[in-house]
């Protein structure tokens, strides 16, 4: 398992979130998708989620539209 720390801004406020995944890399657009699910994944806000076939650029654009910006991914030694 790989431990990733995401540092980002949510509506201009600095936030940090840690995730653990099997995958050896976590591209920024995939990190954005996980943050979208974390912040907006409930049933009422499901329309905020990008389409399943969204490109990495579209995912990042959607994240920015709802206040998730400056996403940085760092893998933690494990």
Protein backbone atom coordinates (compact mmCIF):
# COMPACT_ATOMS: atom_id res chain seq x y z
CA UNK A 1 0.00 0.00 0.00
CA UNK A 2 1.10 3.53 -0.74
CA UNK A 3 0.31 6.47 1.52
CA UNK A 4 -0.35 9.80 -0.20
CA UNK A 5 -0.74 13.22 1.40
CA UNK A 6 -2.73 15.76 -0.58
CA UNK A 7 -2.27 19.43 0.15
CA UNK A 8 -4.80 21.72 -1.48
CA UNK A 9 -7.01 24.75 -1.09
CA UNK A 10 -10.72 24.30 -0.49
CA UNK A 11 -12.50 27.60 -1.08
CA UNK A 12 -9.19 29.36 -0.45
CA UNK A 13 -8.49 27.59 2.86
CA UNK A 14 -5.46 25.27 3.13
CA UNK A 15 -6.33 21.63 3.74
CA UNK A 16 -4.44 18.35 4.05
CA UNK A 17 -5.84 14.89 3.48
CA UNK A 18 -4.15 11.50 3.55
CA UNK A 19 -5.20 8.49 1.45
CA UNK A 20 -3.86 4.97 1.18
CA UNK A 21 -4.01 3.17 -2.18
CA UNK A 22 -2.48 0.10 -3.82
CA UNK A 23 -1.53 2.06 -6.93
CA UNK A 24 2.16 3.08 -7.16
CA UNK A 25 1.35 6.61 -8.44
CA UNK A 26 -1.45 9.10 -7.85
CA UNK A 27 -1.79 11.65 -10.67
CA UNK A 28 -3.19 15.05 -9.71
CA UNK A 29 -6.46 14.52 -11.63
CA UNK A 30 -7.09 11.26 -9.73
CA UNK A 31 -6.33 13.05 -6.47
CA UNK A 32 -8.84 15.72 -7.51
CA UNK A 33 -11.47 13.03 -8.12
CA UNK A 34 -10.89 11.60 -4.63
CA UNK A 35 -11.21 15.07 -3.13
CA UNK A 36 -14.42 15.69 -5.07
CA UNK A 37 -15.80 12.43 -3.69
CA UNK A 38 -14.67 13.36 -0.19
CA UNK A 39 -16.23 16.83 -0.22
CA UNK A 40 -19.20 16.37 -2.58
CA UNK A 41 -19.83 12.63 -2.88
CA UNK A 42 -23.13 12.56 -1.02
CA UNK A 43 -26.38 11.99 -2.90
CA UNK A 44 -27.51 15.63 -2.99
CA UNK A 45 -24.32 16.85 -4.62
CA UNK A 46 -23.73 13.96 -7.04
CA UNK A 47 -24.34 16.31 -9.98
CA UNK A 48 -21.07 18.03 -9.10
CA UNK A 49 -19.08 14.88 -9.92
CA UNK A 50 -17.47 14.71 -13.38
CA UNK A 51 -18.77 12.19 -15.92
CA UNK A 52 -17.17 8.75 -15.89
CA UNK A 53 -15.51 9.49 -19.24
CA UNK A 54 -14.17 12.93 -18.21
CA UNK A 55 -10.62 13.75 -19.27
CA UNK A 56 -7.98 14.65 -16.66
CA UNK A 57 -8.34 18.29 -17.71
CA UNK A 58 -12.13 18.19 -17.27
CA UNK A 59 -11.77 16.66 -13.81
CA UNK A 60 -9.36 19.41 -12.75
CA UNK A 61 -11.64 22.09 -14.22
CA UNK A 62 -14.62 20.69 -12.31
CA UNK A 63 -12.61 20.58 -9.10
CA UNK A 64 -11.62 24.22 -9.56
CA UNK A 65 -15.23 25.25 -10.23
CA UNK A 66 -16.27 23.91 -6.82
CA UNK A 67 -13.33 25.38 -4.91
CA UNK A 68 -10.65 22.65 -4.99
CA UNK A 69 -7.43 24.27 -6.20
CA UNK A 70 -3.63 23.99 -5.95
CA UNK A 71 -3.75 20.22 -5.42
CA UNK A 72 -0.34 18.73 -4.65
CA UNK A 73 0.34 15.02 -4.17
CA UNK A 74 3.19 13.67 -2.06
CA UNK A 75 3.83 9.98 -1.48
CA UNK A 76 4.82 9.25 2.08
CA UNK A 77 7.57 6.73 2.79
CA UNK A 78 6.07 3.56 4.02
